[in-house]
N, C-alpha and C. Protein backbone atom coordinates (compact mmCIF):
# COMPACT_ATOMS: atom_id res chain seq x y z
N UNK A 1 45.31 -36.93 23.05
CA UNK A 1 44.30 -38.05 22.44
C UNK A 1 42.16 -37.82 22.19
N UNK A 2 42.85 -37.52 21.07
CA UNK A 2 42.03 -37.27 19.86
C UNK A 2 40.48 -37.52 20.17
N UNK A 3 38.90 -37.05 19.78
CA UNK A 3 37.80 -38.13 19.75
C UNK A 3 37.33 -38.88 18.45
N UNK A 4 36.94 -39.39 18.88
CA UNK A 4 37.02 -40.34 16.66
C UNK A 4 35.34 -39.42 16.13
N UNK A 5 36.52 -39.30 14.20
CA UNK A 5 35.21 -39.29 14.14
C UNK A 5 33.74 -39.05 13.84
N UNK A 6 33.89 -40.47 14.38
CA UNK A 6 32.55 -41.04 13.93
C UNK A 6 31.33 -40.15 14.82
N UNK A 7 30.89 -39.44 15.74
CA UNK A 7 30.33 -38.98 16.40
C UNK A 7 30.53 -37.95 16.06
N UNK A 8 31.17 -37.51 15.74
CA UNK A 8 31.21 -35.78 14.62
C UNK A 8 30.57 -36.32 13.35
N UNK A 9 30.82 -36.46 12.45
CA UNK A 9 30.05 -36.60 11.62
C UNK A 9 28.53 -37.46 11.92
N UNK A 10 28.45 -37.57 12.27
CA UNK A 10 26.56 -38.39 12.60
C UNK A 10 26.09 -37.08 13.20
N UNK A 11 26.58 -36.53 14.38
CA UNK A 11 25.95 -35.10 14.56
C UNK A 11 25.94 -33.67 13.51
N UNK A 12 27.13 -33.80 11.94
CA UNK A 12 27.08 -33.01 11.67
C UNK A 12 25.99 -33.43 10.30
N UNK A 13 25.91 -34.83 10.16
CA UNK A 13 24.90 -35.29 8.81
C UNK A 13 22.95 -34.96 9.50
N UNK A 14 23.01 -35.03 11.27
CA UNK A 14 21.73 -34.86 11.88
C UNK A 14 21.75 -33.02 11.15
N UNK A 15 22.64 -32.56 11.66
CA UNK A 15 22.45 -31.15 11.81
C UNK A 15 22.62 -30.93 10.04
N UNK A 16 22.60 -31.58 9.61
CA UNK A 16 22.76 -30.60 7.87
C UNK A 16 20.91 -31.29 7.37
N UNK A 17 20.74 -32.98 8.43
CA UNK A 17 19.69 -33.18 7.66
C UNK A 17 18.69 -32.49 7.94
N UNK A 18 18.42 -32.19 8.95
CA UNK A 18 17.39 -30.67 9.92
C UNK A 18 17.37 -30.16 9.48
N UNK A 19 18.70 -28.97 8.64
CA UNK A 19 18.98 -27.72 8.14
C UNK A 19 18.13 -28.14 6.96
N UNK A 20 18.41 -29.32 5.69
CA UNK A 20 17.78 -29.63 4.76
C UNK A 20 15.61 -30.05 4.73
N UNK A 21 15.32 -29.77 5.69
CA UNK A 21 14.03 -30.00 5.93
C UNK A 21 13.22 -29.13 6.06
N UNK A 22 14.03 -28.12 6.80
CA UNK A 22 13.92 -26.80 7.41
C UNK A 22 13.68 -25.75 6.33
N UNK A 23 14.38 -26.30 5.39
CA UNK A 23 15.22 -25.45 3.69
C UNK A 23 14.28 -26.39 2.66
N UNK A 24 13.07 -27.02 2.73
CA UNK A 24 12.65 -27.89 2.16
C UNK A 24 11.18 -27.09 2.40
N UNK A 25 11.03 -27.38 3.67
CA UNK A 25 9.19 -25.98 4.35
C UNK A 25 9.20 -25.06 3.45
N UNK A 26 10.74 -24.41 4.26
CA UNK A 26 10.49 -22.62 3.07
C UNK A 26 10.32 -22.76 1.69
N UNK A 27 11.47 -23.61 1.44
CA UNK A 27 10.49 -23.32 -0.60
C UNK A 27 9.23 -23.26 -0.62
N UNK A 28 9.13 -24.86 -0.67
CA UNK A 28 7.02 -24.89 -0.44
C UNK A 28 6.27 -24.32 0.37
N UNK A 29 6.60 -23.22 1.25
CA UNK A 29 5.93 -21.22 1.95
C UNK A 29 6.23 -21.87 0.54
N UNK A 30 7.51 -20.94 0.30
CA UNK A 30 7.37 -19.43 -0.88
C UNK A 30 7.18 -20.42 -2.04
N UNK A 31 6.74 -21.14 -2.36
CA UNK A 31 6.40 -21.35 -3.73
C UNK A 31 4.89 -22.13 -3.55
N UNK A 32 4.12 -21.87 -2.58
CA UNK A 32 3.01 -21.33 -2.21
C UNK A 32 2.62 -20.40 -1.87
N UNK A 33 2.88 -19.57 -1.74
CA UNK A 33 2.97 -18.44 -1.40
C UNK A 33 2.52 -17.94 -2.69
N UNK A 34 3.45 -17.89 -3.51
CA UNK A 34 3.73 -17.32 -4.86
C UNK A 34 3.25 -17.64 -5.69
N UNK A 35 2.35 -18.74 -5.47
CA UNK A 35 0.69 -19.39 -6.32
C UNK A 35 0.04 -18.64 -6.05
N UNK A 36 -0.54 -18.63 -5.13
CA UNK A 36 -1.72 -17.90 -3.99
C UNK A 36 -1.58 -16.61 -3.94
N UNK A 37 -0.36 -16.05 -5.38
CA UNK A 37 -0.40 -14.16 -5.35
C UNK A 37 -2.01 -13.81 -5.93
N UNK A 38 -1.70 -14.41 -7.97
CA UNK A 38 -2.67 -14.79 -8.15
C UNK A 38 -3.88 -14.04 -8.09
N UNK A 39 -4.65 -15.13 -7.65
CA UNK A 39 -6.00 -14.49 -6.85
C UNK A 39 -5.57 -13.99 -6.06
N UNK A 40 -4.66 -13.38 -4.74
CA UNK A 40 -4.40 -12.68 -4.43
C UNK A 40 -4.74 -11.17 -4.77
N UNK A 41 -4.11 -11.54 -5.81
CA UNK A 41 -3.93 -10.30 -5.74
C UNK A 41 -4.94 -9.01 -7.44
N UNK A 42 -6.30 -10.69 -8.12
CA UNK A 42 -7.26 -10.44 -8.35
C UNK A 42 -8.29 -10.35 -7.34
N UNK A 43 -8.31 -11.02 -6.20
CA UNK A 43 -9.24 -10.19 -5.01
C UNK A 43 -9.19 -8.72 -4.51
N UNK A 44 -7.63 -7.63 -4.99
CA UNK A 44 -7.14 -7.01 -4.29
C UNK A 44 -7.61 -5.98 -4.67
N UNK A 45 -7.94 -6.59 -5.80
CA UNK A 45 -7.89 -5.16 -7.31
C UNK A 45 -9.66 -4.98 -7.51
N UNK A 46 -9.55 -6.05 -6.58
CA UNK A 46 -11.85 -6.02 -7.50
C UNK A 46 -11.55 -5.05 -6.27
N UNK A 47 -11.60 -5.36 -5.58
CA UNK A 47 -12.42 -4.75 -3.63
C UNK A 47 -11.95 -2.74 -3.76
N UNK A 48 -10.16 -2.95 -4.16
CA UNK A 48 -9.84 -1.31 -4.32
C UNK A 48 -10.00 -0.42 -5.51
N UNK A 49 -10.58 -1.04 -7.27
CA UNK A 49 -10.99 -0.83 -8.10
C UNK A 49 -10.40 -0.31 -8.90
N UNK A 50 -9.03 -1.30 -9.00
CA UNK A 50 -7.48 -1.36 -8.93
C UNK A 50 -7.56 -1.93 -10.85
N UNK A 51 -7.35 -1.48 -11.80
CA UNK A 51 -7.15 -2.72 -13.02
C UNK A 51 -7.86 -3.59 -13.67
N UNK A 52 -9.42 -4.16 -13.08
CA UNK A 52 -10.07 -4.49 -13.67
C UNK A 52 -10.91 -4.30 -14.08
N UNK A 53 -10.95 -4.96 -15.16
CA UNK A 53 -11.81 -5.00 -16.39
C UNK A 53 -13.06 -4.52 -16.15
N UNK A 54 -13.85 -4.51 -17.06
CA UNK A 54 -15.94 -4.69 -16.65
C UNK A 54 -16.09 -6.04 -16.75
N UNK A 55 -16.10 -6.93 -15.93
CA UNK A 55 -17.27 -7.70 -16.93
C UNK A 55 -17.68 -7.77 -17.67
N UNK A 56 -18.19 -8.97 -18.48
CA UNK A 56 -19.36 -9.01 -19.63
C UNK A 56 -20.12 -9.73 -18.34
N UNK A 57 -21.18 -8.65 -18.76
CA UNK A 57 -23.02 -9.08 -18.25
C UNK A 57 -23.28 -10.28 -18.82
N UNK A 58 -22.60 -11.38 -19.56
CA UNK A 58 -23.56 -12.74 -19.89
C UNK A 58 -25.06 -13.34 -20.32
N UNK A 59 -25.61 -12.38 -19.40
CA UNK A 59 -26.94 -12.46 -19.28
C UNK A 59 -28.03 -10.43 -20.19
N UNK A 60 -26.91 -9.78 -20.70
CA UNK A 60 -27.16 -8.83 -21.19
C UNK A 60 -28.27 -8.79 -22.40
N UNK A 61 -28.26 -10.04 -23.32
CA UNK A 61 -27.69 -10.11 -24.12
C UNK A 61 -29.40 -10.77 -24.48
N UNK A 62 -28.95 -12.19 -23.29
CA UNK A 62 -31.66 -12.27 -23.30
C UNK A 62 -31.45 -11.53 -22.69
N UNK A 63 -31.61 -10.75 -21.24
CA UNK A 63 -32.07 -9.67 -21.04
C UNK A 63 -32.60 -8.77 -21.93
N UNK A 64 -31.87 -8.20 -22.62
CA UNK A 64 -32.38 -6.91 -24.14
C UNK A 64 -33.32 -8.22 -24.18
N UNK A 65 -33.14 -9.03 -25.18
CA UNK A 65 -34.22 -9.77 -25.93
C UNK A 65 -35.57 -10.61 -24.97
N UNK A 66 -35.72 -10.54 -23.65
CA UNK A 66 -36.91 -10.21 -23.10
C UNK A 66 -37.52 -9.71 -22.38
N UNK A 67 -37.06 -8.44 -21.95
CA UNK A 67 -37.27 -6.72 -22.33
C UNK A 67 -38.48 -6.58 -22.15
N UNK A 68 -39.32 -5.56 -21.86
CA UNK A 68 -39.92 -5.09 -22.50
C UNK A 68 -39.87 -3.10 -22.32
N UNK A 69 -40.51 -2.94 -23.20
CA UNK A 69 -39.76 -1.71 -23.29
C UNK A 69 -40.62 -0.35 -22.84
N UNK A 70 -40.19 0.23 -21.63
CA UNK A 70 -40.78 0.83 -21.05
C UNK A 70 -41.70 2.95 -21.63
N UNK A 71 -42.51 2.45 -22.79
CA UNK A 71 -42.80 4.25 -23.14
C UNK A 71 -43.30 4.98 -22.66
N UNK A 72 -43.92 5.16 -20.95
CA UNK A 72 -44.25 5.59 -20.54
C UNK A 72 -43.21 6.84 -20.00
N UNK A 73 -41.58 6.42 -19.69
CA UNK A 73 -40.70 7.09 -19.06
C UNK A 73 -39.20 7.32 -20.34
N UNK A 74 -38.76 8.10 -20.41
CA UNK A 74 -37.85 8.51 -20.79
C UNK A 74 -36.46 9.13 -19.94
N UNK A 75 -35.32 8.11 -20.43
CA UNK A 75 -34.01 8.60 -19.19
C UNK A 75 -33.03 9.43 -19.91
N UNK A 76 -32.51 10.06 -19.45
CA UNK A 76 -32.03 10.91 -19.98
C UNK A 76 -30.05 10.25 -19.86
N UNK A 77 -29.57 9.69 -20.48
CA UNK A 77 -28.47 9.44 -20.64
C UNK A 77 -27.22 10.57 -20.79
N UNK A 78 -25.99 10.84 -19.93
CA UNK A 78 -25.18 11.54 -20.26
C UNK A 78 -23.57 11.06 -20.25
N UNK A 79 -23.35 11.30 -21.21
CA UNK A 79 -21.51 10.41 -21.45
C UNK A 79 -20.51 11.52 -21.13
N UNK A 80 -20.21 11.45 -20.81
CA UNK A 80 -18.38 12.10 -20.74
C UNK A 80 -17.60 11.04 -20.96
N UNK A 81 -16.38 11.73 -21.04
CA UNK A 81 -14.39 10.64 -21.12
C UNK A 81 -13.66 11.77 -20.61
N UNK A 82 -13.04 11.03 -19.96
CA UNK A 82 -11.78 11.49 -20.03
C UNK A 82 -10.36 10.36 -19.33
N UNK A 83 -9.64 11.57 -20.27
CA UNK A 83 -8.37 10.35 -20.89
C UNK A 83 -7.39 11.32 -20.40
N UNK A 84 -6.43 10.11 -19.68
CA UNK A 84 -5.14 10.31 -18.76
C UNK A 84 -4.30 9.50 -19.17
N UNK A 85 -3.12 10.64 -20.27
CA UNK A 85 -2.75 10.15 -20.90
C UNK A 85 -2.55 10.75 -22.96
N UNK A 86 -2.28 10.93 -23.21
CA UNK A 86 -2.20 11.35 -24.94
C UNK A 86 -2.90 10.83 -25.78
N UNK A 87 -3.90 10.98 -25.24
CA UNK A 87 -5.15 10.01 -26.54
C UNK A 87 -6.07 11.36 -26.44
N UNK A 88 -7.00 11.32 -27.61
CA UNK A 88 -8.34 12.59 -27.83
C UNK A 88 -9.18 10.76 -27.88
N UNK A 89 -10.75 11.57 -26.58
CA UNK A 89 -11.28 10.54 -26.61
C UNK A 89 -12.20 11.24 -26.13
N UNK A 90 -13.53 10.83 -26.62
CA UNK A 90 -14.61 11.46 -26.64
C UNK A 90 -16.03 10.42 -27.00
N UNK A 91 -16.94 10.84 -26.42
CA UNK A 91 -18.74 9.91 -27.45
C UNK A 91 -18.59 11.33 -28.74
N UNK A 92 -19.08 10.73 -30.18
CA UNK A 92 -19.94 11.53 -30.85
C UNK A 92 -20.99 12.23 -30.28
N UNK A 93 -21.42 12.08 -29.36
CA UNK A 93 -22.77 13.07 -28.61
C UNK A 93 -22.70 13.40 -27.31
N UNK A 94 -22.89 14.42 -26.20
CA UNK A 94 -22.76 14.16 -24.98
C UNK A 94 -24.21 13.73 -24.43
N UNK A 95 -25.66 13.22 -24.93
CA UNK A 95 -26.34 12.66 -24.50
C UNK A 95 -27.39 12.45 -25.49
N UNK A 96 -28.54 11.20 -24.82
CA UNK A 96 -29.65 10.78 -25.74
C UNK A 96 -30.62 9.90 -24.47
N UNK A 97 -32.07 10.41 -24.59
CA UNK A 97 -32.74 10.49 -23.96
C UNK A 97 -33.49 8.47 -24.55
N UNK A 98 -33.54 7.87 -24.11
CA UNK A 98 -34.28 6.15 -24.21
C UNK A 98 -35.45 5.96 -23.10
N UNK A 99 -36.07 4.83 -24.43
CA UNK A 99 -36.63 4.35 -22.38
C UNK A 99 -36.09 2.86 -22.51
N UNK A 100 -36.67 3.50 -20.90
CA UNK A 100 -35.89 2.00 -19.84
C UNK A 100 -36.68 0.83 -20.08
N UNK A 101 -35.57 -0.21 -21.92
CA UNK A 101 -35.50 -1.78 -21.83
C UNK A 101 -35.73 -1.75 -23.28
N UNK A 102 -35.30 0.05 -24.01
CA UNK A 102 -34.93 -0.11 -25.35
C UNK A 102 -33.19 -0.37 -25.21
N UNK A 103 -33.43 -1.23 -26.40
CA UNK A 103 -31.19 -0.74 -26.81
C UNK A 103 -31.05 0.40 -27.76
N UNK A 104 -29.75 0.27 -26.65
CA UNK A 104 -29.17 1.85 -27.29
C UNK A 104 -28.00 2.30 -27.75
N UNK A 105 -26.46 2.72 -28.27
CA UNK A 105 -26.30 2.98 -28.98
C UNK A 105 -25.36 4.03 -28.77
N UNK A 106 -24.37 3.95 -28.23
CA UNK A 106 -23.40 5.46 -28.66
C UNK A 106 -21.89 5.18 -28.47
N UNK A 107 -21.75 5.69 -29.42
CA UNK A 107 -19.93 5.22 -29.89
C UNK A 107 -18.65 6.46 -29.40
N UNK A 108 -17.70 6.41 -28.77
CA UNK A 108 -16.52 6.75 -28.66
C UNK A 108 -15.81 6.90 -29.15
N UNK A 109 -15.13 8.13 -29.74
CA UNK A 109 -14.02 7.95 -30.88
C UNK A 109 -12.85 8.30 -29.76
N UNK A 110 -11.58 7.34 -30.25
CA UNK A 110 -10.18 7.50 -28.94
C UNK A 110 -9.20 7.15 -30.41
N UNK A 111 -8.60 8.69 -30.64
CA UNK A 111 -6.94 8.62 -30.84
C UNK A 111 -5.48 8.38 -30.18
N UNK A 112 -5.22 7.97 -30.22
CA UNK A 112 -3.57 7.44 -31.00
C UNK A 112 -2.62 9.03 -31.13
N UNK A 113 -2.33 9.90 -29.92
CA UNK A 113 -1.08 10.73 -30.16
C UNK A 113 0.02 10.61 -30.74
N UNK A 114 0.45 10.15 -30.24
CA UNK A 114 2.09 9.14 -29.64
C UNK A 114 1.74 8.43 -31.37
N UNK A 115 3.04 8.61 -31.70
CA UNK A 115 4.09 8.18 -32.70
C UNK A 115 4.28 6.86 -32.16
N UNK A 116 3.42 6.71 -31.66
CA UNK A 116 4.19 4.55 -31.24
C UNK A 116 3.09 4.17 -30.40
N UNK A 117 2.65 2.59 -30.55
CA UNK A 117 1.48 2.01 -29.87
C UNK A 117 1.33 1.65 -28.98
N UNK A 118 0.04 1.97 -28.72
CA UNK A 118 -0.21 2.08 -26.49
C UNK A 118 -1.14 1.11 -26.73
N UNK A 119 -1.54 0.85 -25.03
CA UNK A 119 -1.81 -0.56 -25.04
C UNK A 119 -2.68 0.37 -24.12
N UNK A 120 -4.41 -0.01 -23.62
CA UNK A 120 -4.86 1.88 -22.80
C UNK A 120 -6.35 0.39 -22.41
N UNK A 121 -7.15 1.13 -21.47
CA UNK A 121 -7.73 -0.08 -20.51
C UNK A 121 -8.50 1.34 -20.21
N UNK A 122 -9.86 1.04 -20.43
CA UNK A 122 -11.50 2.32 -19.85
C UNK A 122 -12.07 1.28 -18.86
N UNK A 123 -12.31 2.93 -18.10
CA UNK A 123 -13.61 2.52 -16.24
C UNK A 123 -14.37 2.60 -16.17
N UNK A 124 -16.01 2.54 -16.82
CA UNK A 124 -16.70 3.81 -16.04
C UNK A 124 -17.12 3.60 -15.34
N UNK A 125 -17.85 4.82 -14.81
CA UNK A 125 -18.71 5.67 -13.65
C UNK A 125 -19.45 5.49 -14.17
N UNK A 126 -20.80 5.74 -12.61
CA UNK A 126 -22.22 5.71 -13.03
C UNK A 126 -22.31 6.27 -11.67
N UNK A 127 -22.83 8.04 -12.21
CA UNK A 127 -23.87 8.62 -11.19
C UNK A 127 -25.08 8.48 -11.53
N UNK A 128 -25.67 8.94 -10.75
CA UNK A 128 -25.83 7.94 -9.72
C UNK A 128 -25.52 6.44 -9.92
N UNK A 129 -24.23 6.94 -8.35
CA UNK A 129 -23.65 5.09 -8.32
C UNK A 129 -24.79 4.08 -8.39
N UNK A 130 -26.39 4.06 -8.01
CA UNK A 130 -27.57 3.34 -7.63
C UNK A 130 -27.56 2.27 -9.23
N UNK A 131 -27.38 3.34 -10.05
CA UNK A 131 -27.61 2.97 -11.70
C UNK A 131 -26.94 1.97 -12.24
N UNK A 132 -25.48 1.73 -11.21
CA UNK A 132 -24.87 0.91 -11.82
C UNK A 132 -25.35 -0.26 -12.17
N UNK A 133 -25.72 -0.64 -11.34
CA UNK A 133 -26.56 -2.69 -11.85
C UNK A 133 -28.21 -2.60 -12.26
N UNK A 134 -28.37 -1.05 -12.80
CA UNK A 134 -29.53 -0.97 -14.03
C UNK A 134 -29.40 -1.10 -15.41
N UNK A 135 -28.12 -0.41 -15.71
CA UNK A 135 -27.66 -0.07 -17.22
C UNK A 135 -26.15 -1.50 -17.18
N UNK A 136 -27.21 -1.67 -18.56
CA UNK A 136 -26.71 -3.28 -19.18
C UNK A 136 -25.86 -3.15 -20.13
N UNK A 137 -24.51 -3.38 -20.35
CA UNK A 137 -24.56 -3.46 -21.37
C UNK A 137 -24.19 -4.65 -22.20
N UNK A 138 -24.96 -5.03 -23.20
CA UNK A 138 -24.56 -5.82 -24.08
C UNK A 138 -23.05 -5.79 -24.63
N UNK A 139 -22.39 -4.68 -25.09
CA UNK A 139 -20.64 -4.48 -26.49
C UNK A 139 -20.39 -3.16 -25.95
N UNK A 140 -19.14 -3.30 -25.24
CA UNK A 140 -18.60 -2.18 -23.95
C UNK A 140 -16.75 -2.71 -24.35
N UNK A 141 -16.43 -0.90 -25.33
CA UNK A 141 -15.09 -0.63 -25.56
C UNK A 141 -14.19 -1.50 -24.16
N UNK A 142 -14.58 -1.42 -23.12
CA UNK A 142 -14.38 -1.49 -21.47
C UNK A 142 -13.96 -2.88 -21.35
N UNK A 143 -14.60 -3.60 -22.19
CA UNK A 143 -14.57 -5.14 -21.14
C UNK A 143 -13.10 -5.80 -21.98
N UNK A 144 -12.62 -5.04 -22.71
CA UNK A 144 -10.73 -5.27 -22.48
C UNK A 144 -9.59 -4.00 -22.77
N UNK A 145 -8.87 -4.82 -23.10
CA UNK A 145 -8.08 -3.28 -22.65
C UNK A 145 -7.27 -3.55 -24.70
N UNK A 146 -7.79 -2.12 -25.37
CA UNK A 146 -6.88 -1.43 -26.33
C UNK A 146 -6.15 -1.71 -26.58
N UNK A 147 -5.48 -1.62 -28.11
CA UNK A 147 -4.07 -1.53 -28.24
C UNK A 147 -4.07 -0.64 -29.76
N UNK A 148 -3.33 0.20 -29.09
CA UNK A 148 -3.69 1.47 -30.94
C UNK A 148 -2.97 1.55 -31.59
N UNK A 149 -2.28 1.56 -32.74
CA UNK A 149 -1.30 2.19 -33.46
C UNK A 149 -1.28 3.65 -33.91
N UNK A 150 0.44 3.41 -33.77
CA UNK A 150 0.93 5.27 -33.68
C UNK A 150 -0.44 6.41 -34.71
N UNK A 151 -0.74 6.95 -34.28
CA UNK A 151 -1.38 8.55 -34.69
C UNK A 151 -3.09 7.43 -35.44
N UNK A 152 -3.15 6.16 -35.00
CA UNK A 152 -4.14 5.58 -35.07
C UNK A 152 -5.85 6.06 -34.62
N UNK A 153 -6.73 6.62 -35.54
CA UNK A 153 -8.16 6.51 -34.73
C UNK A 153 -9.06 5.21 -34.93
N UNK A 154 -9.51 5.27 -33.39
CA UNK A 154 -11.23 4.16 -33.93
C UNK A 154 -12.14 4.49 -33.21
N UNK A 155 -13.62 4.08 -33.37
CA UNK A 155 -14.81 4.19 -33.25
C UNK A 155 -14.71 2.99 -32.48
N UNK A 156 -15.52 2.81 -30.92
CA UNK A 156 -16.01 2.00 -30.84
C UNK A 156 -17.64 2.39 -30.35
N UNK A 157 -18.32 1.19 -30.08
CA UNK A 157 -19.85 1.15 -29.92
C UNK A 157 -19.65 0.35 -28.46
N UNK A 158 -20.74 1.50 -27.54
CA UNK A 158 -21.86 1.10 -26.97
C UNK A 158 -22.96 0.53 -26.59
N UNK A 159 -22.95 -0.94 -26.34
CA UNK A 159 -24.47 -0.99 -26.68
C UNK A 159 -24.92 -1.07 -25.55
N UNK A 160 -25.57 -0.69 -24.81
CA UNK A 160 -26.24 -1.25 -24.10
C UNK A 160 -28.08 -0.95 -23.41
N UNK A 161 -29.08 -1.56 -22.33
CA UNK A 161 -30.49 -1.08 -22.21
C UNK A 161 -30.22 -1.01 -20.96
N UNK A 162 -31.35 0.04 -20.22
CA UNK A 162 -31.28 0.46 -18.96
C UNK A 162 -33.04 -0.52 -19.16
N UNK A 163 -32.70 -1.13 -18.01
CA UNK A 163 -33.34 -1.49 -16.54
C UNK A 163 -34.68 -1.27 -16.93
N UNK A 164 -35.97 -1.53 -17.48
CA UNK A 164 -37.34 -1.27 -16.40
C UNK A 164 -37.34 -0.87 -15.24
N UNK A 165 -36.19 -1.53 -13.75
CA UNK A 165 -36.79 -1.84 -13.11
C UNK A 165 -35.97 -0.37 -11.72
N UNK A 166 -35.29 0.37 -12.79
CA UNK A 166 -34.65 1.78 -12.62
C UNK A 166 -35.81 2.14 -11.25
N UNK A 167 -35.17 2.58 -10.59
CA UNK A 167 -36.03 3.44 -9.65
C UNK A 167 -37.08 4.61 -10.30
N UNK A 168 -38.39 5.27 -9.88
CA UNK A 168 -39.16 5.93 -10.77
C UNK A 168 -38.10 7.19 -10.41
N UNK A 169 -37.76 7.85 -9.56
CA UNK A 169 -36.47 8.21 -9.05
C UNK A 169 -35.57 9.54 -9.86
N UNK A 170 -34.80 8.24 -10.46
CA UNK A 170 -34.42 8.58 -11.79
C UNK A 170 -34.86 8.80 -12.66
N UNK A 171 -33.87 10.21 -13.34
CA UNK A 171 -34.34 10.76 -14.88
C UNK A 171 -33.16 10.72 -15.36
N UNK A 172 -32.15 11.52 -15.29
CA UNK A 172 -30.84 11.19 -15.35
C UNK A 172 -29.56 9.86 -15.20
N UNK A 173 -29.06 9.59 -16.11
CA UNK A 173 -27.65 8.84 -16.03
C UNK A 173 -26.36 9.39 -16.47
N UNK A 174 -25.57 9.37 -16.08
CA UNK A 174 -24.27 9.71 -16.35
C UNK A 174 -23.39 8.66 -16.63
N UNK A 175 -23.29 8.46 -17.83
CA UNK A 175 -22.29 7.45 -17.55
C UNK A 175 -21.02 7.58 -18.29
N UNK A 176 -18.89 8.00 -17.62
CA UNK A 176 -18.21 8.33 -17.22
C UNK A 176 -17.24 7.10 -18.04
N UNK A 177 -16.64 7.17 -18.28
CA UNK A 177 -14.86 6.47 -19.11
C UNK A 177 -14.38 7.53 -18.32
N UNK A 178 -12.92 6.47 -18.19
CA UNK A 178 -11.51 6.83 -17.60
C UNK A 178 -10.98 6.02 -18.52
N UNK A 179 -10.08 6.97 -19.62
CA UNK A 179 -9.27 6.04 -20.03
C UNK A 179 -7.42 6.17 -20.21
N UNK A 180 -7.41 5.05 -19.89
CA UNK A 180 -5.32 5.93 -19.19
C UNK A 180 -4.65 4.26 -19.48
N UNK A 181 -3.33 4.65 -20.27
CA UNK A 181 -2.35 3.68 -21.43
C UNK A 181 -2.51 2.71 -19.67
N UNK A 182 -2.03 1.56 -20.31
CA UNK A 182 -1.64 0.18 -19.38
C UNK A 182 -0.71 0.23 -19.91
N UNK A 183 0.67 -1.05 -18.96
CA UNK A 183 1.69 -1.30 -18.36
C UNK A 183 2.13 -0.20 -19.01
N UNK A 184 3.40 0.03 -19.44
CA UNK A 184 4.92 0.33 -20.11
C UNK A 184 5.16 0.77 -21.73
N UNK A 185 5.26 1.87 -22.05
CA UNK A 185 5.47 1.60 -22.71
C UNK A 185 6.07 1.58 -24.71
N UNK A 186 5.54 1.03 -24.89
CA UNK A 186 5.73 -0.71 -26.47
C UNK A 186 6.59 0.12 -27.70
N UNK A 187 6.94 -0.27 -27.64
CA UNK A 187 8.59 -0.18 -28.92
C UNK A 187 7.49 0.13 -29.64
N UNK A 188 8.28 1.70 -30.54
CA UNK A 188 7.60 2.49 -31.23
C UNK A 188 7.62 1.39 -32.70
N UNK A 189 6.55 1.83 -33.89
CA UNK A 189 6.48 1.44 -34.76
C UNK A 189 7.45 2.13 -35.87
N UNK A 190 7.99 0.99 -36.31
CA UNK A 190 8.91 1.15 -37.39
C UNK A 190 8.95 0.59 -38.95
N UNK A 191 9.11 1.76 -39.77
CA UNK A 191 8.51 1.85 -41.70
C UNK A 191 9.68 1.09 -41.44
N UNK A 192 9.46 0.54 -42.99
CA UNK A 192 10.31 0.20 -43.78
C UNK A 192 11.21 1.25 -44.49
N UNK A 193 12.67 1.00 -44.20
CA UNK A 193 13.66 2.08 -44.80
C UNK A 193 13.70 2.47 -45.88
N UNK A 194 13.63 3.59 -45.43
CA UNK A 194 13.63 4.59 -47.41
C UNK A 194 15.11 4.38 -48.62
N UNK A 195 14.68 4.39 -49.28
CA UNK A 195 16.86 4.13 -49.48
C UNK A 195 16.55 5.89 -50.60
């Protein structure tokens, strides 16, 4: 004699319901994890210094307007450029002297030496490291990724002010940029067909 189908079907429904509930929980956890990846990725990048754009200093312009120039001191600013990839990248001059509190501008020239459009990013570094807190940038190509067309040459200004609170023992600051391609190579720009 066979067992009635009713208990087996009821048990299967309960098992299916429990499995469905577990799958919903797993799906919710996966969605939450995926949603949390963006801020987690940003935090990891900030801690490790990977793929981080230099943040814009929102107070730099106001600081530059209100600061007093310390004419009793001269700071030598040395400029360095390192390119990773098919770029020509260099400052128009290697150094300058500025008074703390004085607004200054240096221009960097970047040339894409490829026959394709490229997107790149500049990451600054400072020597001595403590000088970074006193190097206030009002304008910089490092605030955003840059796109250069095939064989394009562009000049980018860096407008800055050295905070007069810079320690007295710092006489020279080196501003160094590393410029490298980001993302994958973009498709070559194709001109009109010749007839």
